[in-house]
Amino acid sequence: AMERLKANLPGKGWKIVSYGPDASPSKSLELVA
């Protein structure tokens, strides 16, 4: 689902600012748009 967001949000008017592990100790996958 995270991959779908990364692939499909730009077509809905969103600019992906970042995608990848966040700064938390668990390195959670994060998408910012």
Full PDB file with SEQRES, HELIX, SHEET, SSBOND, CRYST1, ORIGX, SCALE, CONECT and MASTER records, all heavy atoms in Angstrom:
SEQRES   1 A   33  ALA MET GLU ARG LEU LYS ALA ASN LEU PRO GLY LYS GLY          
SEQRES   2 A   33  TRP LYS ILE VAL SER TYR GLY PRO ASP ALA SER PRO SER          
SEQRES   3 A   33  LYS SER LEU GLU LEU VAL ALA                                  
HELIX    1 AA1 MET A    2  ASN A    8  1                                   7    
HELIX    2 AA2 LEU A    9  LYS A   12  5                                   4    
SHEET    1 AA1 2 SER A  18  PRO A  21  0                                        
SHEET    2 AA1 2 LEU A  29  VAL A  32 -1                                        
CRYST1    1.000    1.000    1.000  90.00  90.00  90.00 P 1           1          
ORIGX1      1.000000  0.000000  0.000000        0.00000                         
ORIGX2      0.000000  1.000000  0.000000        0.00000                         
ORIGX3      0.000000  0.000000  1.000000        0.00000                         
SCALE1      1.000000  0.000000  0.000000        0.00000                         
SCALE2      0.000000  1.000000  0.000000        0.00000                         
SCALE3      0.000000  0.000000  1.000000        0.00000                         
ATOM      1  N   ALA A   1       0.832  -1.205   0.000  1.00  0.00           N  
ATOM      2  CA  ALA A   1       0.000   0.000   0.000  1.00  0.00           C  
ATOM      3  C   ALA A   1       0.870   1.260   0.000  1.00  0.00           C  
ATOM      4  O   ALA A   1       0.550   2.242  -0.675  1.00  0.00           O  
ATOM      5  CB  ALA A   1      -0.935  -0.004   1.207  1.00  0.00           C  
ATOM      6  N   MET A   2       1.978   1.226   0.734  1.00  0.00           N  
ATOM      7  CA  MET A   2       2.893   2.375   0.746  1.00  0.00           C  
ATOM      8  C   MET A   2       3.476   2.591  -0.653  1.00  0.00           C  
ATOM      9  O   MET A   2       3.601   3.732  -1.104  1.00  0.00           O  
ATOM     10  CB  MET A   2       4.007   2.163   1.773  1.00  0.00           C  
ATOM     11  CG  MET A   2       3.535   2.147   3.222  1.00  0.00           C  
ATOM     12  SD  MET A   2       2.910   3.721   3.830  1.00  0.00           S  
ATOM     13  CE  MET A   2       4.430   4.678   3.961  1.00  0.00           C  
ATOM     14  N   GLU A   3       3.817   1.517  -1.344  1.00  0.00           N  
ATOM     15  CA  GLU A   3       4.317   1.619  -2.724  1.00  0.00           C  
ATOM     16  C   GLU A   3       3.243   2.199  -3.645  1.00  0.00           C  
ATOM     17  O   GLU A   3       3.543   3.006  -4.521  1.00  0.00           O  
ATOM     18  CB  GLU A   3       4.780   0.250  -3.235  1.00  0.00           C  
ATOM     19  CG  GLU A   3       6.097  -0.207  -2.651  1.00  0.00           C  
ATOM     20  CD  GLU A   3       7.274   0.657  -3.081  1.00  0.00           C  
ATOM     21  OE1 GLU A   3       7.288   1.157  -4.226  1.00  0.00           O  
ATOM     22  OE2 GLU A   3       8.190   0.838  -2.251  1.00  0.00           O  
ATOM     23  N   ARG A   4       1.970   1.789  -3.425  1.00  0.00           N  
ATOM     24  CA  ARG A   4       0.872   2.337  -4.234  1.00  0.00           C  
ATOM     25  C   ARG A   4       0.747   3.843  -4.024  1.00  0.00           C  
ATOM     26  O   ARG A   4       0.532   4.596  -4.978  1.00  0.00           O  
ATOM     27  CB  ARG A   4      -0.461   1.653  -3.890  1.00  0.00           C  
ATOM     28  CG  ARG A   4      -0.704   0.368  -4.627  1.00  0.00           C  
ATOM     29  CD  ARG A   4      -2.136  -0.102  -4.504  1.00  0.00           C  
ATOM     30  NE  ARG A   4      -2.545  -0.407  -3.146  1.00  0.00           N  
ATOM     31  CZ  ARG A   4      -2.285  -1.536  -2.496  1.00  0.00           C  
ATOM     32  NH1 ARG A   4      -1.597  -2.489  -3.079  1.00  0.00           N  
ATOM     33  NH2 ARG A   4      -2.735  -1.721  -1.268  1.00  0.00           N  
ATOM     34  N   LEU A   5       0.881   4.275  -2.762  1.00  0.00           N  
ATOM     35  CA  LEU A   5       0.814   5.712  -2.487  1.00  0.00           C  
ATOM     36  C   LEU A   5       1.922   6.455  -3.227  1.00  0.00           C  
ATOM     37  O   LEU A   5       1.678   7.476  -3.865  1.00  0.00           O  
ATOM     38  CB  LEU A   5       0.924   5.974  -0.982  1.00  0.00           C  
ATOM     39  CG  LEU A   5      -0.305   5.632  -0.149  1.00  0.00           C  
ATOM     40  CD1 LEU A   5       0.041   5.671   1.338  1.00  0.00           C  
ATOM     41  CD2 LEU A   5      -1.448   6.576  -0.463  1.00  0.00           C  
ATOM     42  N   LYS A   6       3.140   5.913  -3.142  1.00  0.00           N  
ATOM     43  CA  LYS A   6       4.280   6.547  -3.809  1.00  0.00           C  
ATOM     44  C   LYS A   6       4.054   6.631  -5.320  1.00  0.00           C  
ATOM     45  O   LYS A   6       4.359   7.641  -5.952  1.00  0.00           O  
ATOM     46  CB  LYS A   6       5.554   5.760  -3.505  1.00  0.00           C  
ATOM     47  CG  LYS A   6       6.799   6.338  -4.138  1.00  0.00           C  
ATOM     48  CD  LYS A   6       7.993   5.455  -3.843  1.00  0.00           C  
ATOM     49  CE  LYS A   6       9.213   5.908  -4.606  1.00  0.00           C  
ATOM     50  NZ  LYS A   6      10.251   4.882  -4.623  1.00  0.00           N  
ATOM     51  N   ALA A   7       3.492   5.587  -5.897  1.00  0.00           N  
ATOM     52  CA  ALA A   7       3.285   5.535  -7.341  1.00  0.00           C  
ATOM     53  C   ALA A   7       2.089   6.373  -7.801  1.00  0.00           C  
ATOM     54  O   ALA A   7       2.127   6.963  -8.883  1.00  0.00           O  
ATOM     55  CB  ALA A   7       3.090   4.081  -7.784  1.00  0.00           C  
ATOM     56  N   ASN A   8       1.029   6.439  -6.996  1.00  0.00           N  
ATOM     57  CA  ASN A   8      -0.231   7.021  -7.462  1.00  0.00           C  
ATOM     58  C   ASN A   8      -0.536   8.434  -6.983  1.00  0.00           C  
ATOM     59  O   ASN A   8      -1.323   9.131  -7.622  1.00  0.00           O  
ATOM     60  CB  ASN A   8      -1.397   6.104  -7.094  1.00  0.00           C  
ATOM     61  CG  ASN A   8      -1.322   4.773  -7.820  1.00  0.00           C  
ATOM     62  OD1 ASN A   8      -0.923   4.720  -8.975  1.00  0.00           O  
ATOM     63  ND2 ASN A   8      -1.681   3.700  -7.134  1.00  0.00           N  
ATOM     64  N   LEU A   9       0.032   8.876  -5.872  1.00  0.00           N  
ATOM     65  CA  LEU A   9      -0.282  10.227  -5.397  1.00  0.00           C  
ATOM     66  C   LEU A   9       0.155  11.328  -6.378  1.00  0.00           C  
ATOM     67  O   LEU A   9      -0.586  12.305  -6.548  1.00  0.00           O  
ATOM     68  CB  LEU A   9       0.302  10.473  -4.005  1.00  0.00           C  
ATOM     69  CG  LEU A   9      -0.445   9.807  -2.844  1.00  0.00           C  
ATOM     70  CD1 LEU A   9       0.239  10.124  -1.517  1.00  0.00           C  
ATOM     71  CD2 LEU A   9      -1.912  10.193  -2.804  1.00  0.00           C  
ATOM     72  N   PRO A  10       1.313  11.204  -7.045  1.00  0.00           N  
ATOM     73  CA  PRO A  10       1.678  12.269  -8.000  1.00  0.00           C  
ATOM     74  C   PRO A  10       0.627  12.483  -9.093  1.00  0.00           C  
ATOM     75  O   PRO A  10       0.384  13.619  -9.505  1.00  0.00           O  
ATOM     76  CB  PRO A  10       3.008  11.782  -8.579  1.00  0.00           C  
ATOM     77  CG  PRO A  10       3.609  10.981  -7.464  1.00  0.00           C  
ATOM     78  CD  PRO A  10       2.419  10.253  -6.863  1.00  0.00           C  
ATOM     79  N   GLY A  11      -0.048  11.448  -9.527  1.00  0.00           N  
ATOM     80  CA  GLY A  11      -1.103  11.573 -10.528  1.00  0.00           C  
ATOM     81  C   GLY A  11      -2.358  12.236  -9.985  1.00  0.00           C  
ATOM     82  O   GLY A  11      -3.261  12.585 -10.738  1.00  0.00           O  
ATOM     83  N   LYS A  12      -2.416  12.417  -8.672  1.00  0.00           N  
ATOM     84  CA  LYS A  12      -3.563  13.053  -8.030  1.00  0.00           C  
ATOM     85  C   LYS A  12      -3.200  14.439  -7.498  1.00  0.00           C  
ATOM     86  O   LYS A  12      -3.868  14.972  -6.626  1.00  0.00           O  
ATOM     87  CB  LYS A  12      -4.099  12.150  -6.919  1.00  0.00           C  
ATOM     88  CG  LYS A  12      -4.583  10.814  -7.458  1.00  0.00           C  
ATOM     89  CD  LYS A  12      -5.224   9.964  -6.409  1.00  0.00           C  
ATOM     90  CE  LYS A  12      -5.702   8.647  -6.967  1.00  0.00           C  
ATOM     91  NZ  LYS A  12      -6.623   8.733  -8.076  1.00  0.00           N  
ATOM     92  N   GLY A  13      -2.097  15.009  -8.028  1.00  0.00           N  
ATOM     93  CA  GLY A  13      -1.728  16.378  -7.679  1.00  0.00           C  
ATOM     94  C   GLY A  13      -0.774  16.524  -6.508  1.00  0.00           C  
ATOM     95  O   GLY A  13      -0.572  17.624  -6.011  1.00  0.00           O  
ATOM     96  N   TRP A  14      -0.147  15.435  -6.061  1.00  0.00           N  
ATOM     97  CA  TRP A  14       0.770  15.479  -4.927  1.00  0.00           C  
ATOM     98  C   TRP A  14       2.209  15.374  -5.402  1.00  0.00           C  
ATOM     99  O   TRP A  14       2.517  14.652  -6.336  1.00  0.00           O  
ATOM    100  CB  TRP A  14       0.484  14.323  -3.966  1.00  0.00           C  
ATOM    101  CG  TRP A  14      -0.826  14.461  -3.263  1.00  0.00           C  
ATOM    102  CD1 TRP A  14      -2.046  14.045  -3.723  1.00  0.00           C  
ATOM    103  CD2 TRP A  14      -1.066  15.074  -2.010  1.00  0.00           C  
ATOM    104  NE1 TRP A  14      -3.024  14.371  -2.826  1.00  0.00           N  
ATOM    105  CE2 TRP A  14      -2.441  14.996  -1.756  1.00  0.00           C  
ATOM    106  CE3 TRP A  14      -0.248  15.683  -1.068  1.00  0.00           C  
ATOM    107  CZ2 TRP A  14      -3.021  15.501  -0.597  1.00  0.00           C  
ATOM    108  CZ3 TRP A  14      -0.825  16.179   0.087  1.00  0.00           C  
ATOM    109  CH2 TRP A  14      -2.196  16.085   0.314  1.00  0.00           C  
ATOM    110  N   LYS A  15       3.088  16.097  -4.729  1.00  0.00           N  
ATOM    111  CA  LYS A  15       4.522  15.998  -4.985  1.00  0.00           C  
ATOM    112  C   LYS A  15       5.131  15.211  -3.818  1.00  0.00           C  
ATOM    113  O   LYS A  15       5.009  15.616  -2.655  1.00  0.00           O  
ATOM    114  CB  LYS A  15       5.159  17.385  -5.059  1.00  0.00           C  
ATOM    115  CG  LYS A  15       6.653  17.315  -5.281  1.00  0.00           C  
ATOM    116  CD  LYS A  15       7.274  18.694  -5.276  1.00  0.00           C  
ATOM    117  CE  LYS A  15       8.777  18.523  -5.488  1.00  0.00           C  
ATOM    118  NZ  LYS A  15       9.535  19.604  -4.921  1.00  0.00           N  
ATOM    119  N   ILE A  16       5.781  14.090  -4.130  1.00  0.00           N  
ATOM    120  CA  ILE A  16       6.431  13.294  -3.095  1.00  0.00           C  
ATOM    121  C   ILE A  16       7.682  14.053  -2.650  1.00  0.00           C  
ATOM    122  O   ILE A  16       8.573  14.325  -3.451  1.00  0.00           O  
ATOM    123  CB  ILE A  16       6.804  11.882  -3.604  1.00  0.00           C  
ATOM    124  CG1 ILE A  16       5.582  11.154  -4.171  1.00  0.00           C  
ATOM    125  CG2 ILE A  16       7.482  11.069  -2.489  1.00  0.00           C  
ATOM    126  CD1 ILE A  16       4.460  10.889  -3.216  1.00  0.00           C  
ATOM    127  N   VAL A  17       7.727  14.426  -1.374  1.00  0.00           N  
ATOM    128  CA  VAL A  17       8.852  15.164  -0.807  1.00  0.00           C  
ATOM    129  C   VAL A  17       9.924  14.191  -0.324  1.00  0.00           C  
ATOM    130  O   VAL A  17      11.110  14.423  -0.515  1.00  0.00           O  
ATOM    131  CB  VAL A  17       8.373  16.070   0.353  1.00  0.00           C  
ATOM    132  CG1 VAL A  17       9.543  16.768   1.027  1.00  0.00           C  
ATOM    133  CG2 VAL A  17       7.355  17.087  -0.152  1.00  0.00           C  
ATOM    134  N   SER A  18       9.484  13.103   0.301  1.00  0.00           N  
ATOM    135  CA  SER A  18      10.432  12.081   0.754  1.00  0.00           C  
ATOM    136  C   SER A  18       9.729  10.738   0.861  1.00  0.00           C  
ATOM    137  O   SER A  18       8.507  10.667   1.055  1.00  0.00           O  
ATOM    138  CB  SER A  18      11.072  12.461   2.093  1.00  0.00           C  
ATOM    139  OG  SER A  18      10.111  12.488   3.123  1.00  0.00           O  
ATOM    140  N   TYR A  19      10.516   9.683   0.726  1.00  0.00           N  
ATOM    141  CA  TYR A  19      10.008   8.324   0.852  1.00  0.00           C  
ATOM    142  C   TYR A  19      11.167   7.452   1.317  1.00  0.00           C  
ATOM    143  O   TYR A  19      12.225   7.446   0.698  1.00  0.00           O  
ATOM    144  CB  TYR A  19       9.479   7.810  -0.489  1.00  0.00           C  
ATOM    145  CG  TYR A  19       8.882   6.414  -0.395  1.00  0.00           C  
ATOM    146  CD1 TYR A  19       7.577   6.235   0.066  1.00  0.00           C  
ATOM    147  CD2 TYR A  19       9.620   5.292  -0.746  1.00  0.00           C  
ATOM    148  CE1 TYR A  19       7.024   4.972   0.156  1.00  0.00           C  
ATOM    149  CE2 TYR A  19       9.063   4.030  -0.656  1.00  0.00           C  
ATOM    150  CZ  TYR A  19       7.770   3.867  -0.203  1.00  0.00           C  
ATOM    151  OH  TYR A  19       7.225   2.608  -0.099  1.00  0.00           O  
ATOM    152  N   GLY A  20      10.980   6.790   2.432  1.00  0.00           N  
ATOM    153  CA  GLY A  20      12.019   5.917   2.960  1.00  0.00           C  
ATOM    154  C   GLY A  20      11.926   5.834   4.471  1.00  0.00           C  
ATOM    155  O   GLY A  20      10.935   6.274   5.065  1.00  0.00           O  
ATOM    156  N   PRO A  21      12.964   5.292   5.105  1.00  0.00           N  
ATOM    157  CA  PRO A  21      12.939   5.156   6.562  1.00  0.00           C  
ATOM    158  C   PRO A  21      12.921   6.525   7.244  1.00  0.00           C  
ATOM    159  O   PRO A  21      13.590   7.450   6.803  1.00  0.00           O  
ATOM    160  CB  PRO A  21      14.243   4.425   6.887  1.00  0.00           C  
ATOM    161  CG  PRO A  21      14.800   3.959   5.587  1.00  0.00           C  
ATOM    162  CD  PRO A  21      14.171   4.759   4.504  1.00  0.00           C  
ATOM    163  N   ASP A  22      12.124   6.636   8.313  1.00  0.00           N  
ATOM    164  CA  ASP A  22      12.097   7.890   9.067  1.00  0.00           C  
ATOM    165  C   ASP A  22      13.273   7.925  10.044  1.00  0.00           C  
ATOM    166  O   ASP A  22      14.116   7.028  10.043  1.00  0.00           O  
ATOM    167  CB  ASP A  22      10.745   8.092   9.766  1.00  0.00           C  
ATOM    168  CG  ASP A  22      10.481   7.089  10.878  1.00  0.00           C  
ATOM    169  OD1 ASP A  22      11.386   6.309  11.257  1.00  0.00           O  
ATOM    170  OD2 ASP A  22       9.344   7.085  11.391  1.00  0.00           O  
ATOM    171  N   ALA A  23      13.325   8.945  10.881  1.00  0.00           N  
ATOM    172  CA  ALA A  23      14.446   9.133  11.799  1.00  0.00           C  
ATOM    173  C   ALA A  23      14.278   8.379  13.121  1.00  0.00           C  
ATOM    174  O   ALA A  23      15.152   8.459  13.980  1.00  0.00           O  
ATOM    175  CB  ALA A  23      14.632  10.621  12.084  1.00  0.00           C  
ATOM    176  N   SER A  24      13.188   7.645  13.294  1.00  0.00           N  
ATOM    177  CA  SER A  24      12.961   6.918  14.549  1.00  0.00           C  
ATOM    178  C   SER A  24      13.920   5.741  14.668  1.00  0.00           C  
ATOM    179  O   SER A  24      14.471   5.268  13.662  1.00  0.00           O  
ATOM    180  CB  SER A  24      11.516   6.415  14.611  1.00  0.00           C  
ATOM    181  OG  SER A  24      11.325   5.350  13.701  1.00  0.00           O  
ATOM    182  N   PRO A  25      14.132   5.236  15.894  1.00  0.00           N  
ATOM    183  CA  PRO A  25      15.006   4.058  16.063  1.00  0.00           C  
ATOM    184  C   PRO A  25      14.525   2.842  15.262  1.00  0.00           C  
ATOM    185  O   PRO A  25      15.330   2.040  14.817  1.00  0.00           O  
ATOM    186  CB  PRO A  25      14.939   3.775  17.569  1.00  0.00           C  
ATOM    187  CG  PRO A  25      14.554   5.076  18.187  1.00  0.00           C  
ATOM    188  CD  PRO A  25      13.679   5.771  17.169  1.00  0.00           C  
ATOM    189  N   SER A  26      13.207   2.745  15.040  1.00  0.00           N  
ATOM    190  CA  SER A  26      12.678   1.604  14.290  1.00  0.00           C  
ATOM    191  C   SER A  26      12.769   1.787  12.780  1.00  0.00           C  
ATOM    192  O   SER A  26      12.475   0.869  12.020  1.00  0.00           O  
ATOM    193  CB  SER A  26      11.223   1.347  14.687  1.00  0.00           C  
ATOM    194  OG  SER A  26      10.428   2.453  14.336  1.00  0.00           O  
ATOM    195  N   LYS A  27      13.165   2.996  12.326  1.00  0.00           N  
ATOM    196  CA  LYS A  27      13.307   3.291  10.894  1.00  0.00           C  
ATOM    197  C   LYS A  27      12.029   2.950  10.117  1.00  0.00           C  
ATOM    198  O   LYS A  27      12.052   2.303   9.078  1.00  0.00           O  
ATOM    199  CB  LYS A  27      14.498   2.540  10.284  1.00  0.00           C  
ATOM    200  CG  LYS A  27      15.820   2.822  10.964  1.00  0.00           C  
ATOM    201  CD  LYS A  27      16.258   4.231  10.696  1.00  0.00           C  
ATOM    202  CE  LYS A  27      17.626   4.490  11.290  1.00  0.00           C  
ATOM    203  NZ  LYS A  27      17.828   5.852  11.688  1.00  0.00           N  
ATOM    204  N   SER A  28      10.893   3.416  10.635  1.00  0.00           N  
ATOM    205  CA  SER A  28       9.602   3.158   9.996  1.00  0.00           C  
ATOM    206  C   SER A  28       9.566   3.766   8.597  1.00  0.00           C  
ATOM    207  O   SER A  28      10.076   4.863   8.372  1.00  0.00           O  
ATOM    208  CB  SER A  28       8.470   3.767  10.830  1.00  0.00           C  
ATOM    209  OG  SER A  28       8.394   3.158  12.087  1.00  0.00           O  
ATOM    210  N   LEU A  29       8.943   3.067   7.673  1.00  0.00           N  
ATOM    211  CA  LEU A  29       8.793   3.562   6.310  1.00  0.00           C  
ATOM    212  C   LEU A  29       7.838   4.758   6.333  1.00  0.00           C  
ATOM    213  O   LEU A  29       6.747   4.682   6.897  1.00  0.00           O  
ATOM    214  CB  LEU A  29       8.236   2.463   5.405  1.00  0.00           C  
ATOM    215  CG  LEU A  29       8.032   2.817   3.934  1.00  0.00           C  
ATOM    216  CD1 LEU A  29       9.342   3.254   3.284  1.00  0.00           C  
ATOM    217  CD2 LEU A  29       7.436   1.628   3.183  1.00  0.00           C  
ATOM    218  N   GLU A  30       8.275   5.881   5.731  1.00  0.00           N  
ATOM    219  CA  GLU A  30       7.480   7.099   5.744  1.00  0.00           C  
ATOM    220  C   GLU A  30       7.438   7.726   4.357  1.00  0.00           C  
ATOM    221  O   GLU A  30       8.432   7.769   3.658  1.00  0.00           O  
ATOM    222  CB  GLU A  30       8.071   8.106   6.732  1.00  0.00           C  
ATOM    223  CG  GLU A  30       7.301   9.410   6.788  1.00  0.00           C  
ATOM    224  CD  GLU A  30       7.929  10.432   7.720  1.00  0.00           C  
ATOM    225  OE1 GLU A  30       9.172  10.524   7.779  1.00  0.00           O  
ATOM    226  OE2 GLU A  30       7.162  11.143   8.377  1.00  0.00           O  
ATOM    227  N   LEU A  31       6.255   8.220   4.005  1.00  0.00           N  
ATOM    228  CA  LEU A  31       6.058   8.990   2.781  1.00  0.00           C  
ATOM    229  C   LEU A  31       5.565  10.374   3.199  1.00  0.00           C  
ATOM    230  O   LEU A  31       4.643  10.481   4.010  1.00  0.00           O  
ATOM    231  CB  LEU A  31       5.014   8.312   1.895  1.00  0.00           C  
ATOM    232  CG  LEU A  31       4.640   9.050   0.617  1.00  0.00           C  
ATOM    233  CD1 LEU A  31       4.413   8.063  -0.511  1.00  0.00           C  
ATOM    234  CD2 LEU A  31       3.408   9.914   0.800  1.00  0.00           C  
ATOM    235  N   VAL A  32       6.204  11.418   2.671  1.00  0.00           N  
ATOM    236  CA  VAL A  32       5.765  12.789   2.907  1.00  0.00           C  
ATOM    237  C   VAL A  32       5.485  13.402   1.542  1.00  0.00           C  
ATOM    238  O   VAL A  32       6.301  13.277   0.621  1.00  0.00           O  
ATOM    239  CB  VAL A  32       6.836  13.612   3.666  1.00  0.00           C  
ATOM    240  CG1 VAL A  32       6.399  15.058   3.822  1.00  0.00           C  
ATOM    241  CG2 VAL A  32       7.130  12.983   5.027  1.00  0.00           C  
ATOM    242  N   ALA A  33       4.316  14.043   1.417  1.00  0.00           N  
ATOM    243  CA  ALA A  33       3.927  14.644   0.139  1.00  0.00           C  
ATOM    244  C   ALA A  33       3.197  15.961   0.375  1.00  0.00           C  
ATOM    245  O   ALA A  33       2.580  16.159   1.422  1.00  0.00           O  
ATOM    246  CB  ALA A  33       3.035  13.676  -0.642  1.00  0.00           C  
TER     247      ALA A  33                                                      
MASTER        0    0    0    2    2    0    0    6  246    1    0    3          
END                                                                             
